[in-house]
Amino acid sequence: MSGAPTLIEHNRVRLALHTLRSADVAGGPDLLLLHGLGESSPVEVPAFAAAWPGPIHALDFTGHGASTRPTGGGYTAEILMADADAAVRHLTTTSTGATTIVGRGLGGYIGLLVGGARAEQVRGVVIADGPGLSGGPSVPTSQPVVRVEPVDSNPDPYALVELGRDLRPRDYATAFVRLAIEGSGLDDPVTVTARFRPRWLQAVVEQPGVAEAGSIAEALARYHG
Protein backbone atom coordinates (compact mmCIF):
# COMPACT_ATOMS: atom_id res chain seq x y z
CA MET A 1 0.00 0.00 0.00
CA SER A 2 1.36 3.39 -1.01
CA GLY A 3 1.34 5.64 2.10
CA ALA A 4 -1.70 7.00 3.91
CA PRO A 5 -5.07 6.77 2.18
CA THR A 6 -6.67 9.67 0.37
CA LEU A 7 -9.65 10.90 2.41
CA ILE A 8 -12.74 11.80 0.41
CA GLU A 9 -15.44 13.82 2.15
CA HIS A 10 -18.83 12.26 1.53
CA ASN A 11 -21.58 14.00 3.49
CA ARG A 12 -20.39 13.62 7.11
CA VAL A 13 -18.24 10.58 6.40
CA ARG A 14 -14.57 10.51 5.42
CA LEU A 15 -13.94 7.72 2.95
CA ALA A 16 -10.50 6.09 2.82
CA LEU A 17 -9.28 5.48 -0.73
CA HIS A 18 -6.08 3.43 -0.68
CA THR A 19 -3.54 3.37 -3.51
CA LEU A 20 -2.02 -0.10 -3.87
CA ARG A 21 -0.13 0.76 -7.06
CA SER A 22 0.46 4.37 -8.04
CA ALA A 23 0.34 6.06 -11.43
CA ASP A 24 4.09 6.61 -11.13
CA VAL A 25 4.56 2.86 -11.38
CA ALA A 26 1.89 2.14 -13.98
CA GLY A 27 0.38 4.61 -16.41
CA GLY A 28 -2.59 2.62 -17.70
CA PRO A 29 -6.27 2.77 -16.72
CA ASP A 30 -7.40 2.76 -13.08
CA LEU A 31 -8.66 -0.30 -11.25
CA LEU A 32 -10.87 0.12 -8.18
CA LEU A 33 -11.37 -2.72 -5.69
CA LEU A 34 -14.55 -2.89 -3.58
CA HIS A 35 -14.50 -5.25 -0.60
CA GLY A 36 -17.16 -7.52 0.85
CA LEU A 37 -19.45 -6.94 3.83
CA GLY A 38 -17.50 -6.56 7.08
CA GLU A 39 -14.15 -6.51 5.27
CA SER A 40 -11.71 -3.73 4.42
CA SER A 41 -9.31 -2.94 1.61
CA PRO A 42 -6.33 -5.25 0.96
CA VAL A 43 -2.92 -3.92 1.98
CA GLU A 44 -1.22 -5.01 -1.24
CA VAL A 45 -2.11 -5.77 -4.83
CA PRO A 46 -4.06 -9.06 -4.94
CA ALA A 47 -2.64 -11.80 -7.14
CA PHE A 48 -5.60 -11.59 -9.52
CA ALA A 49 -4.70 -7.96 -10.32
CA ALA A 50 -0.95 -8.46 -10.77
CA ALA A 51 -1.19 -8.15 -14.58
CA TRP A 52 -3.34 -5.02 -14.51
CA PRO A 53 -1.49 -2.36 -16.56
CA GLY A 54 -2.48 0.72 -14.54
CA PRO A 55 -2.86 2.17 -11.04
CA ILE A 56 -4.78 0.08 -8.51
CA HIS A 57 -6.92 1.55 -5.74
CA ALA A 58 -9.17 0.13 -3.02
CA LEU A 59 -12.05 1.84 -1.22
CA ASP A 60 -13.15 1.31 2.36
CA PHE A 61 -16.94 1.67 2.44
CA THR A 62 -18.65 3.80 5.06
CA GLY A 63 -18.34 2.04 8.43
CA HIS A 64 -15.53 -0.23 7.22
CA GLY A 65 -11.74 -0.16 7.42
CA ALA A 66 -10.22 3.31 7.77
CA SER A 67 -13.40 5.14 6.72
CA THR A 68 -15.53 6.81 9.38
CA ARG A 69 -19.14 5.90 10.11
CA PRO A 70 -22.45 7.60 10.74
CA THR A 71 -24.10 7.67 14.16
CA GLY A 72 -26.92 5.16 14.59
CA GLY A 73 -26.63 3.26 11.33
CA GLY A 74 -28.88 3.95 8.36
CA TYR A 75 -26.90 1.82 5.88
CA THR A 76 -28.33 1.00 2.45
CA ALA A 77 -26.82 -0.26 -0.78
CA GLU A 78 -27.48 3.17 -2.27
CA ILE A 79 -25.36 4.83 0.44
CA LEU A 80 -22.46 2.56 -0.51
CA MET A 81 -23.13 3.17 -4.20
CA ALA A 82 -22.64 6.87 -3.46
CA ASP A 83 -19.35 5.96 -1.70
CA ALA A 84 -18.13 4.17 -4.82
CA ASP A 85 -19.37 7.01 -7.02
CA ALA A 86 -17.34 9.49 -4.97
CA ALA A 87 -14.24 7.32 -5.47
CA VAL A 88 -14.85 7.03 -9.23
CA ARG A 89 -15.33 10.80 -9.53
CA HIS A 90 -12.10 11.38 -7.61
CA LEU A 91 -10.17 9.02 -9.90
CA THR A 92 -11.69 10.68 -12.96
CA THR A 93 -10.27 14.04 -11.85
CA THR A 94 -6.78 12.64 -11.25
CA SER A 95 -6.33 10.42 -14.31
CA THR A 96 -7.47 9.94 -17.87
CA GLY A 97 -9.90 7.32 -19.05
CA ALA A 98 -12.52 5.26 -17.25
CA THR A 99 -12.18 3.11 -14.13
CA THR A 100 -12.67 -0.65 -14.01
CA ILE A 101 -14.24 -2.09 -10.84
CA VAL A 102 -13.77 -5.45 -9.14
CA GLY A 103 -16.25 -6.08 -6.34
CA ARG A 104 -16.26 -9.00 -3.92
CA GLY A 105 -19.56 -9.99 -2.34
CA LEU A 106 -21.43 -6.84 -1.34
CA GLY A 107 -18.83 -4.88 -3.31
CA GLY A 108 -19.89 -6.74 -6.45
CA TYR A 109 -23.48 -5.62 -6.03
CA ILE A 110 -22.37 -2.05 -5.35
CA GLY A 111 -20.05 -2.20 -8.37
CA LEU A 112 -22.99 -3.20 -10.56
CA LEU A 113 -25.05 -0.24 -9.32
CA VAL A 114 -22.33 2.35 -9.87
CA GLY A 115 -21.36 0.73 -13.17
CA GLY A 116 -24.87 1.37 -14.44
CA ALA A 117 -25.24 4.80 -12.88
CA ARG A 118 -21.84 6.01 -14.15
CA ALA A 119 -21.49 3.94 -17.29
CA GLU A 120 -19.33 6.50 -19.11
CA GLN A 121 -16.84 6.66 -16.23
CA VAL A 122 -16.75 2.92 -15.48
CA ARG A 123 -15.11 0.59 -18.00
CA GLY A 124 -16.29 -2.81 -16.88
CA VAL A 125 -17.46 -4.33 -13.61
CA VAL A 126 -16.36 -7.72 -12.29
CA ILE A 127 -18.65 -9.39 -9.72
CA ALA A 128 -16.86 -11.97 -7.56
CA ASP A 129 -17.73 -14.18 -4.61
CA GLY A 130 -17.44 -12.69 -1.14
CA PRO A 131 -19.31 -11.75 2.05
CA GLY A 132 -22.65 -10.04 1.55
CA LEU A 133 -23.24 -11.24 -2.00
CA SER A 134 -26.70 -12.61 -1.27
CA GLY A 135 -28.06 -9.67 0.71
CA GLY A 136 -31.65 -9.88 1.89
CA PRO A 137 -34.88 -10.89 0.17
CA SER A 138 -35.57 -10.23 -3.50
CA VAL A 139 -39.17 -9.10 -2.83
CA PRO A 140 -40.55 -6.65 -0.23
CA THR A 141 -41.10 -8.15 3.22
CA SER A 142 -41.86 -6.99 6.73
CA GLN A 143 -38.58 -6.89 8.65
CA PRO A 144 -38.09 -6.27 12.37
CA VAL A 145 -36.37 -3.16 13.69
CA VAL A 146 -32.99 -4.20 15.06
CA ARG A 147 -30.97 -2.38 17.70
CA VAL A 148 -27.30 -3.10 18.30
CA GLU A 149 -24.90 -2.03 21.01
CA PRO A 150 -22.69 0.85 19.84
CA VAL A 151 -19.08 -0.21 19.39
CA ASP A 152 -16.36 2.30 18.61
CA SER A 153 -14.66 0.22 15.93
CA ASN A 154 -15.08 -0.91 12.35
CA PRO A 155 -16.83 -2.72 10.83
CA ASP A 156 -19.82 -0.92 12.28
CA PRO A 157 -22.28 -3.48 13.76
CA TYR A 158 -25.14 -1.53 12.19
CA ALA A 159 -23.52 -2.04 8.79
CA LEU A 160 -23.32 -5.80 9.29
CA VAL A 161 -26.99 -6.05 10.29
CA GLU A 162 -28.53 -3.57 7.85
CA LEU A 163 -26.47 -4.39 4.76
CA GLY A 164 -26.75 -8.11 5.41
CA ARG A 165 -30.51 -7.95 4.85
CA ASP A 166 -30.88 -5.14 2.28
CA LEU A 167 -33.51 -5.74 -0.38
CA ARG A 168 -32.18 -7.07 -3.72
CA PRO A 169 -35.03 -7.02 -6.30
CA ARG A 170 -34.09 -8.82 -9.49
CA ASP A 171 -35.63 -6.20 -11.78
CA TYR A 172 -33.75 -3.47 -9.91
CA ALA A 173 -30.41 -5.20 -10.49
CA THR A 174 -31.11 -5.89 -14.16
CA ALA A 175 -32.11 -2.25 -14.72
CA PHE A 176 -28.52 -1.27 -13.87
CA VAL A 177 -27.22 -3.86 -16.33
CA ARG A 178 -29.25 -2.19 -19.07
CA LEU A 179 -27.95 1.25 -18.04
CA ALA A 180 -24.38 -0.07 -18.25
CA ILE A 181 -24.97 -1.50 -21.72
CA GLU A 182 -26.55 1.71 -22.98
CA GLY A 183 -23.80 3.98 -21.69
CA SER A 184 -20.50 2.09 -21.67
CA GLY A 185 -19.91 1.30 -25.33
CA LEU A 186 -18.66 -2.19 -24.41
CA ASP A 187 -20.32 -5.37 -25.64
CA ASP A 188 -19.96 -6.96 -22.18
CA PRO A 189 -19.70 -4.22 -19.54
CA VAL A 190 -20.37 -6.72 -16.71
CA THR A 191 -18.50 -9.97 -16.07
CA VAL A 192 -19.48 -12.45 -13.36
CA THR A 193 -16.95 -14.81 -11.80
CA ALA A 194 -19.02 -15.62 -8.69
CA ARG A 195 -20.04 -19.24 -8.39
CA PHE A 196 -22.62 -18.56 -5.69
CA ARG A 197 -25.54 -16.90 -7.45
CA PRO A 198 -28.48 -15.62 -5.44
CA ARG A 199 -31.64 -14.74 -7.35
CA TRP A 200 -30.62 -11.18 -8.16
CA LEU A 201 -27.28 -12.32 -9.59
CA GLN A 202 -28.79 -15.17 -11.59
CA ALA A 203 -31.12 -12.62 -13.16
CA VAL A 204 -28.11 -10.45 -13.99
CA VAL A 205 -26.21 -13.34 -15.61
CA GLU A 206 -29.17 -14.03 -17.87
CA GLN A 207 -29.08 -10.51 -19.34
CA PRO A 208 -27.49 -9.72 -22.72
CA GLY A 209 -24.21 -7.87 -22.17
CA VAL A 210 -23.19 -9.92 -19.15
CA ALA A 211 -20.26 -12.30 -19.58
CA GLU A 212 -18.97 -15.10 -17.37
CA ALA A 213 -15.35 -15.90 -16.53
CA GLY A 214 -13.60 -18.59 -14.56
CA SER A 215 -11.43 -16.19 -12.56
CA ILE A 216 -11.08 -12.51 -11.74
CA ALA A 217 -7.80 -12.33 -13.65
CA GLU A 218 -9.52 -13.73 -16.76
CA ALA A 219 -12.35 -11.21 -16.36
CA LEU A 220 -9.95 -8.28 -15.97
CA ALA A 221 -8.19 -9.19 -19.21
CA ARG A 222 -11.38 -8.08 -21.00
CA TYR A 223 -10.99 -4.53 -19.72
CA HIS A 224 -7.26 -3.80 -20.10
CA GLY A 225 -7.70 -1.55 -23.10
C-alpha atoms as a PDB file:
ATOM      1  CA  MET A   1       0.000   0.000   0.000  1.00  0.00           C
ATOM      2  CA  SER A   2       1.358   3.389  -1.013  1.00  0.00           C
ATOM      3  CA  GLY A   3       1.345   5.640   2.098  1.00  0.00           C
ATOM      4  CA  ALA A   4      -1.699   7.003   3.907  1.00  0.00           C
ATOM      5  CA  PRO A   5      -5.075   6.769   2.176  1.00  0.00           C
ATOM      6  CA  THR A   6      -6.667   9.674   0.372  1.00  0.00           C
ATOM      7  CA  LEU A   7      -9.645  10.900   2.414  1.00  0.00           C
ATOM      8  CA  ILE A   8     -12.741  11.802   0.411  1.00  0.00           C
ATOM      9  CA  GLU A   9     -15.438  13.824   2.152  1.00  0.00           C
ATOM     10  CA  HIS A  10     -18.833  12.258   1.531  1.00  0.00           C
ATOM     11  CA  ASN A  11     -21.578  13.998   3.492  1.00  0.00           C
ATOM     12  CA  ARG A  12     -20.393  13.618   7.109  1.00  0.00           C
ATOM     13  CA  VAL A  13     -18.235  10.579   6.405  1.00  0.00           C
ATOM     14  CA  ARG A  14     -14.567  10.512   5.422  1.00  0.00           C
ATOM     15  CA  LEU A  15     -13.940   7.716   2.953  1.00  0.00           C
ATOM     16  CA  ALA A  16     -10.502   6.094   2.816  1.00  0.00           C
ATOM     17  CA  LEU A  17      -9.280   5.477  -0.730  1.00  0.00           C
ATOM     18  CA  HIS A  18      -6.076   3.426  -0.679  1.00  0.00           C
ATOM     19  CA  THR A  19      -3.538   3.369  -3.505  1.00  0.00           C
ATOM     20  CA  LEU A  20      -2.022  -0.099  -3.875  1.00  0.00           C
ATOM     21  CA  ARG A  21      -0.128   0.759  -7.059  1.00  0.00           C
ATOM     22  CA  SER A  22       0.462   4.366  -8.045  1.00  0.00           C
ATOM     23  CA  ALA A  23       0.335   6.064 -11.426  1.00  0.00           C
ATOM     24  CA  ASP A  24       4.092   6.609 -11.133  1.00  0.00           C
ATOM     25  CA  VAL A  25       4.564   2.859 -11.383  1.00  0.00           C
ATOM     26  CA  ALA A  26       1.887   2.143 -13.983  1.00  0.00           C
ATOM     27  CA  GLY A  27       0.381   4.606 -16.412  1.00  0.00           C
ATOM     28  CA  GLY A  28      -2.591   2.617 -17.701  1.00  0.00           C
ATOM     29  CA  PRO A  29      -6.271   2.765 -16.717  1.00  0.00           C
ATOM     30  CA  ASP A  30      -7.396   2.761 -13.083  1.00  0.00           C
ATOM     31  CA  LEU A  31      -8.657  -0.302 -11.252  1.00  0.00           C
ATOM     32  CA  LEU A  32     -10.873   0.123  -8.176  1.00  0.00           C
ATOM     33  CA  LEU A  33     -11.373  -2.724  -5.694  1.00  0.00           C
ATOM     34  CA  LEU A  34     -14.545  -2.893  -3.583  1.00  0.00           C
ATOM     35  CA  HIS A  35     -14.505  -5.245  -0.597  1.00  0.00           C
ATOM     36  CA  GLY A  36     -17.157  -7.520   0.854  1.00  0.00           C
ATOM     37  CA  LEU A  37     -19.448  -6.938   3.827  1.00  0.00           C
ATOM     38  CA  GLY A  38     -17.498  -6.562   7.078  1.00  0.00           C
ATOM     39  CA  GLU A  39     -14.148  -6.514   5.271  1.00  0.00           C
ATOM     40  CA  SER A  40     -11.711  -3.731   4.423  1.00  0.00           C
ATOM     41  CA  SER A  41      -9.306  -2.938   1.615  1.00  0.00           C
ATOM     42  CA  PRO A  42      -6.334  -5.252   0.959  1.00  0.00           C
ATOM     43  CA  VAL A  43      -2.920  -3.924   1.985  1.00  0.00           C
ATOM     44  CA  GLU A  44      -1.219  -5.010  -1.237  1.00  0.00           C
ATOM     45  CA  VAL A  45      -2.111  -5.773  -4.828  1.00  0.00           C
ATOM     46  CA  PRO A  46      -4.064  -9.057  -4.945  1.00  0.00           C
ATOM     47  CA  ALA A  47      -2.639 -11.803  -7.136  1.00  0.00           C
ATOM     48  CA  PHE A  48      -5.598 -11.587  -9.516  1.00  0.00           C
ATOM     49  CA  ALA A  49      -4.698  -7.962 -10.321  1.00  0.00           C
ATOM     50  CA  ALA A  50      -0.954  -8.456 -10.771  1.00  0.00           C
ATOM     51  CA  ALA A  51      -1.193  -8.151 -14.578  1.00  0.00           C
ATOM     52  CA  TRP A  52      -3.337  -5.019 -14.514  1.00  0.00           C
ATOM     53  CA  PRO A  53      -1.495  -2.363 -16.561  1.00  0.00           C
ATOM     54  CA  GLY A  54      -2.483   0.717 -14.545  1.00  0.00           C
ATOM     55  CA  PRO A  55      -2.855   2.165 -11.044  1.00  0.00           C
ATOM     56  CA  ILE A  56      -4.780   0.084  -8.506  1.00  0.00           C
ATOM     57  CA  HIS A  57      -6.924   1.547  -5.739  1.00  0.00           C
ATOM     58  CA  ALA A  58      -9.169   0.133  -3.016  1.00  0.00           C
ATOM     59  CA  LEU A  59     -12.047   1.844  -1.217  1.00  0.00           C
ATOM     60  CA  ASP A  60     -13.152   1.307   2.364  1.00  0.00           C
ATOM     61  CA  PHE A  61     -16.935   1.667   2.437  1.00  0.00           C
ATOM     62  CA  THR A  62     -18.648   3.796   5.064  1.00  0.00           C
ATOM     63  CA  GLY A  63     -18.342   2.044   8.429  1.00  0.00           C
ATOM     64  CA  HIS A  64     -15.525  -0.227   7.222  1.00  0.00           C
ATOM     65  CA  GLY A  65     -11.737  -0.160   7.418  1.00  0.00           C
ATOM     66  CA  ALA A  66     -10.225   3.306   7.767  1.00  0.00           C
ATOM     67  CA  SER A  67     -13.403   5.136   6.720  1.00  0.00           C
ATOM     68  CA  THR A  68     -15.527   6.807   9.376  1.00  0.00           C
ATOM     69  CA  ARG A  69     -19.143   5.899  10.113  1.00  0.00           C
ATOM     70  CA  PRO A  70     -22.453   7.597  10.743  1.00  0.00           C
ATOM     71  CA  THR A  71     -24.101   7.668  14.157  1.00  0.00           C
ATOM     72  CA  GLY A  72     -26.917   5.165  14.591  1.00  0.00           C
ATOM     73  CA  GLY A  73     -26.630   3.264  11.327  1.00  0.00           C
ATOM     74  CA  GLY A  74     -28.881   3.948   8.361  1.00  0.00           C
ATOM     75  CA  TYR A  75     -26.904   1.821   5.879  1.00  0.00           C
ATOM     76  CA  THR A  76     -28.329   1.003   2.450  1.00  0.00           C
ATOM     77  CA  ALA A  77     -26.820  -0.260  -0.782  1.00  0.00           C
ATOM     78  CA  GLU A  78     -27.483   3.169  -2.269  1.00  0.00           C
ATOM     79  CA  ILE A  79     -25.359   4.830   0.436  1.00  0.00           C
ATOM     80  CA  LEU A  80     -22.464   2.561  -0.509  1.00  0.00           C
ATOM     81  CA  MET A  81     -23.129   3.175  -4.201  1.00  0.00           C
ATOM     82  CA  ALA A  82     -22.637   6.875  -3.457  1.00  0.00           C
ATOM     83  CA  ASP A  83     -19.354   5.960  -1.701  1.00  0.00           C
ATOM     84  CA  ALA A  84     -18.130   4.171  -4.818  1.00  0.00           C
ATOM     85  CA  ASP A  85     -19.372   7.009  -7.016  1.00  0.00           C
ATOM     86  CA  ALA A  86     -17.338   9.489  -4.967  1.00  0.00           C
ATOM     87  CA  ALA A  87     -14.242   7.324  -5.468  1.00  0.00           C
ATOM     88  CA  VAL A  88     -14.846   7.026  -9.227  1.00  0.00           C
ATOM     89  CA  ARG A  89     -15.331  10.796  -9.533  1.00  0.00           C
ATOM     90  CA  HIS A  90     -12.103  11.378  -7.613  1.00  0.00           C
ATOM     91  CA  LEU A  91     -10.173   9.016  -9.897  1.00  0.00           C
ATOM     92  CA  THR A  92     -11.691  10.682 -12.963  1.00  0.00           C
ATOM     93  CA  THR A  93     -10.265  14.041 -11.847  1.00  0.00           C
ATOM     94  CA  THR A  94      -6.779  12.645 -11.250  1.00  0.00           C
ATOM     95  CA  SER A  95      -6.326  10.421 -14.309  1.00  0.00           C
ATOM     96  CA  THR A  96      -7.473   9.937 -17.869  1.00  0.00           C
ATOM     97  CA  GLY A  97      -9.896   7.316 -19.050  1.00  0.00           C
ATOM     98  CA  ALA A  98     -12.515   5.263 -17.252  1.00  0.00           C
ATOM     99  CA  THR A  99     -12.176   3.115 -14.132  1.00  0.00           C
ATOM    100  CA  THR A 100     -12.675  -0.652 -14.014  1.00  0.00           C
ATOM    101  CA  ILE A 101     -14.239  -2.085 -10.844  1.00  0.00           C
ATOM    102  CA  VAL A 102     -13.767  -5.447  -9.140  1.00  0.00           C
ATOM    103  CA  GLY A 103     -16.247  -6.084  -6.344  1.00  0.00           C
ATOM    104  CA  ARG A 104     -16.264  -9.005  -3.919  1.00  0.00           C
ATOM    105  CA  GLY A 105     -19.560  -9.985  -2.344  1.00  0.00           C
ATOM    106  CA  LEU A 106     -21.433  -6.840  -1.343  1.00  0.00           C
ATOM    107  CA  GLY A 107     -18.826  -4.880  -3.306  1.00  0.00           C
ATOM    108  CA  GLY A 108     -19.886  -6.741  -6.446  1.00  0.00           C
ATOM    109  CA  TYR A 109     -23.482  -5.623  -6.030  1.00  0.00           C
ATOM    110  CA  ILE A 110     -22.369  -2.046  -5.355  1.00  0.00           C
ATOM    111  CA  GLY A 111     -20.054  -2.196  -8.371  1.00  0.00           C
ATOM    112  CA  LEU A 112     -22.995  -3.202 -10.559  1.00  0.00           C
ATOM    113  CA  LEU A 113     -25.051  -0.245  -9.322  1.00  0.00           C
ATOM    114  CA  VAL A 114     -22.332   2.350  -9.868  1.00  0.00           C
ATOM    115  CA  GLY A 115     -21.364   0.732 -13.172  1.00  0.00           C
ATOM    116  CA  GLY A 116     -24.869   1.373 -14.439  1.00  0.00           C
ATOM    117  CA  ALA A 117     -25.244   4.803 -12.878  1.00  0.00           C
ATOM    118  CA  ARG A 118     -21.844   6.010 -14.147  1.00  0.00           C
ATOM    119  CA  ALA A 119     -21.485   3.936 -17.295  1.00  0.00           C
ATOM    120  CA  GLU A 120     -19.334   6.501 -19.111  1.00  0.00           C
ATOM    121  CA  GLN A 121     -16.835   6.660 -16.230  1.00  0.00           C
ATOM    122  CA  VAL A 122     -16.747   2.918 -15.483  1.00  0.00           C
ATOM    123  CA  ARG A 123     -15.107   0.591 -17.995  1.00  0.00           C
ATOM    124  CA  GLY A 124     -16.292  -2.811 -16.885  1.00  0.00           C
ATOM    125  CA  VAL A 125     -17.464  -4.335 -13.612  1.00  0.00           C
ATOM    126  CA  VAL A 126     -16.364  -7.724 -12.287  1.00  0.00           C
ATOM    127  CA  ILE A 127     -18.650  -9.390  -9.724  1.00  0.00           C
ATOM    128  CA  ALA A 128     -16.861 -11.973  -7.564  1.00  0.00           C
ATOM    129  CA  ASP A 129     -17.732 -14.182  -4.608  1.00  0.00           C
ATOM    130  CA  GLY A 130     -17.442 -12.686  -1.142  1.00  0.00           C
ATOM    131  CA  PRO A 131     -19.309 -11.754   2.048  1.00  0.00           C
ATOM    132  CA  GLY A 132     -22.645 -10.037   1.553  1.00  0.00           C
ATOM    133  CA  LEU A 133     -23.238 -11.239  -1.996  1.00  0.00           C
ATOM    134  CA  SER A 134     -26.704 -12.606  -1.266  1.00  0.00           C
ATOM    135  CA  GLY A 135     -28.062  -9.666   0.715  1.00  0.00           C
ATOM    136  CA  GLY A 136     -31.647  -9.877   1.894  1.00  0.00           C
ATOM    137  CA  PRO A 137     -34.879 -10.891   0.167  1.00  0.00           C
ATOM    138  CA  SER A 138     -35.575 -10.234  -3.499  1.00  0.00           C
ATOM    139  CA  VAL A 139     -39.169  -9.101  -2.835  1.00  0.00           C
ATOM    140  CA  PRO A 140     -40.549  -6.646  -0.233  1.00  0.00           C
ATOM    141  CA  THR A 141     -41.100  -8.153   3.216  1.00  0.00           C
ATOM    142  CA  SER A 142     -41.857  -6.987   6.730  1.00  0.00           C
ATOM    143  CA  GLN A 143     -38.580  -6.893   8.646  1.00  0.00           C
ATOM    144  CA  PRO A 144     -38.085  -6.269  12.372  1.00  0.00           C
ATOM    145  CA  VAL A 145     -36.375  -3.165  13.691  1.00  0.00           C
ATOM    146  CA  VAL A 146     -32.987  -4.198  15.056  1.00  0.00           C
ATOM    147  CA  ARG A 147     -30.966  -2.378  17.703  1.00  0.00           C
ATOM    148  CA  VAL A 148     -27.296  -3.095  18.302  1.00  0.00           C
ATOM    149  CA  GLU A 149     -24.903  -2.032  21.009  1.00  0.00           C
ATOM    150  CA  PRO A 150     -22.690   0.848  19.844  1.00  0.00           C
ATOM    151  CA  VAL A 151     -19.076  -0.213  19.387  1.00  0.00           C
ATOM    152  CA  ASP A 152     -16.359   2.305  18.606  1.00  0.00           C
ATOM    153  CA  SER A 153     -14.659   0.225  15.931  1.00  0.00           C
ATOM    154  CA  ASN A 154     -15.084  -0.914  12.352  1.00  0.00           C
ATOM    155  CA  PRO A 155     -16.825  -2.724  10.830  1.00  0.00           C
ATOM    156  CA  ASP A 156     -19.817  -0.925  12.279  1.00  0.00           C
ATOM    157  CA  PRO A 157     -22.277  -3.477  13.760  1.00  0.00           C
ATOM    158  CA  TYR A 158     -25.137  -1.528  12.190  1.00  0.00           C
ATOM    159  CA  ALA A 159     -23.523  -2.036   8.785  1.00  0.00           C
ATOM    160  CA  LEU A 160     -23.316  -5.799   9.291  1.00  0.00           C
ATOM    161  CA  VAL A 161     -26.987  -6.049  10.293  1.00  0.00           C
ATOM    162  CA  GLU A 162     -28.527  -3.575   7.853  1.00  0.00           C
ATOM    163  CA  LEU A 163     -26.475  -4.390   4.759  1.00  0.00           C
ATOM    164  CA  GLY A 164     -26.751  -8.115   5.413  1.00  0.00           C
ATOM    165  CA  ARG A 165     -30.506  -7.949   4.848  1.00  0.00           C
ATOM    166  CA  ASP A 166     -30.882  -5.139   2.282  1.00  0.00           C
ATOM    167  CA  LEU A 167     -33.506  -5.743  -0.384  1.00  0.00           C
ATOM    168  CA  ARG A 168     -32.185  -7.068  -3.722  1.00  0.00           C
ATOM    169  CA  PRO A 169     -35.030  -7.021  -6.298  1.00  0.00           C
ATOM    170  CA  ARG A 170     -34.093  -8.821  -9.487  1.00  0.00           C
ATOM    171  CA  ASP A 171     -35.630  -6.198 -11.779  1.00  0.00           C
ATOM    172  CA  TYR A 172     -33.749  -3.469  -9.914  1.00  0.00           C
ATOM    173  CA  ALA A 173     -30.411  -5.199 -10.494  1.00  0.00           C
ATOM    174  CA  THR A 174     -31.113  -5.891 -14.159  1.00  0.00           C
ATOM    175  CA  ALA A 175     -32.109  -2.255 -14.721  1.00  0.00           C
ATOM    176  CA  PHE A 176     -28.516  -1.267 -13.869  1.00  0.00           C
ATOM    177  CA  VAL A 177     -27.216  -3.861 -16.331  1.00  0.00           C
ATOM    178  CA  ARG A 178     -29.247  -2.186 -19.071  1.00  0.00           C
ATOM    179  CA  LEU A 179     -27.948   1.245 -18.044  1.00  0.00           C
ATOM    180  CA  ALA A 180     -24.378  -0.068 -18.247  1.00  0.00           C
ATOM    181  CA  ILE A 181     -24.975  -1.501 -21.718  1.00  0.00           C
ATOM    182  CA  GLU A 182     -26.547   1.711 -22.984  1.00  0.00           C
ATOM    183  CA  GLY A 183     -23.797   3.978 -21.686  1.00  0.00           C
ATOM    184  CA  SER A 184     -20.503   2.094 -21.671  1.00  0.00           C
ATOM    185  CA  GLY A 185     -19.908   1.300 -25.333  1.00  0.00           C
ATOM    186  CA  LEU A 186     -18.661  -2.192 -24.412  1.00  0.00           C
ATOM    187  CA  ASP A 187     -20.317  -5.367 -25.637  1.00  0.00           C
ATOM    188  CA  ASP A 188     -19.962  -6.961 -22.181  1.00  0.00           C
ATOM    189  CA  PRO A 189     -19.704  -4.224 -19.535  1.00  0.00           C
ATOM    190  CA  VAL A 190     -20.369  -6.717 -16.712  1.00  0.00           C
ATOM    191  CA  THR A 191     -18.498  -9.969 -16.067  1.00  0.00           C
ATOM    192  CA  VAL A 192     -19.484 -12.451 -13.362  1.00  0.00           C
ATOM    193  CA  THR A 193     -16.949 -14.813 -11.798  1.00  0.00           C
ATOM    194  CA  ALA A 194     -19.021 -15.624  -8.692  1.00  0.00           C
ATOM    195  CA  ARG A 195     -20.039 -19.245  -8.387  1.00  0.00           C
ATOM    196  CA  PHE A 196     -22.616 -18.561  -5.694  1.00  0.00           C
ATOM    197  CA  ARG A 197     -25.537 -16.901  -7.450  1.00  0.00           C
ATOM    198  CA  PRO A 198     -28.480 -15.617  -5.443  1.00  0.00           C
ATOM    199  CA  ARG A 199     -31.639 -14.744  -7.348  1.00  0.00           C
ATOM    200  CA  TRP A 200     -30.624 -11.182  -8.163  1.00  0.00           C
ATOM    201  CA  LEU A 201     -27.280 -12.316  -9.589  1.00  0.00           C
ATOM    202  CA  GLN A 202     -28.788 -15.168 -11.588  1.00  0.00           C
ATOM    203  CA  ALA A 203     -31.125 -12.622 -13.159  1.00  0.00           C
ATOM    204  CA  VAL A 204     -28.107 -10.446 -13.993  1.00  0.00           C
ATOM    205  CA  VAL A 205     -26.213 -13.339 -15.607  1.00  0.00           C
ATOM    206  CA  GLU A 206     -29.171 -14.032 -17.868  1.00  0.00           C
ATOM    207  CA  GLN A 207     -29.075 -10.508 -19.340  1.00  0.00           C
ATOM    208  CA  PRO A 208     -27.485  -9.722 -22.719  1.00  0.00           C
ATOM    209  CA  GLY A 209     -24.214  -7.869 -22.170  1.00  0.00           C
ATOM    210  CA  VAL A 210     -23.187  -9.917 -19.153  1.00  0.00           C
ATOM    211  CA  ALA A 211     -20.255 -12.300 -19.583  1.00  0.00           C
ATOM    212  CA  GLU A 212     -18.973 -15.101 -17.365  1.00  0.00           C
ATOM    213  CA  ALA A 213     -15.348 -15.896 -16.535  1.00  0.00           C
ATOM    214  CA  GLY A 214     -13.600 -18.590 -14.556  1.00  0.00           C
ATOM    215  CA  SER A 215     -11.431 -16.187 -12.557  1.00  0.00           C
ATOM    216  CA  ILE A 216     -11.084 -12.512 -11.739  1.00  0.00           C
ATOM    217  CA  ALA A 217      -7.800 -12.334 -13.654  1.00  0.00           C
ATOM    218  CA  GLU A 218      -9.517 -13.726 -16.762  1.00  0.00           C
ATOM    219  CA  ALA A 219     -12.351 -11.209 -16.360  1.00  0.00           C
ATOM    220  CA  LEU A 220      -9.949  -8.276 -15.965  1.00  0.00           C
ATOM    221  CA  ALA A 221      -8.188  -9.188 -19.209  1.00  0.00           C
ATOM    222  CA  ARG A 222     -11.382  -8.082 -20.998  1.00  0.00           C
ATOM    223  CA  TYR A 223     -10.988  -4.535 -19.724  1.00  0.00           C
ATOM    224  CA  HIS A 224      -7.259  -3.801 -20.096  1.00  0.00           C
ATOM    225  CA  GLY A 225      -7.699  -1.549 -23.101  1.00  0.00           C
END
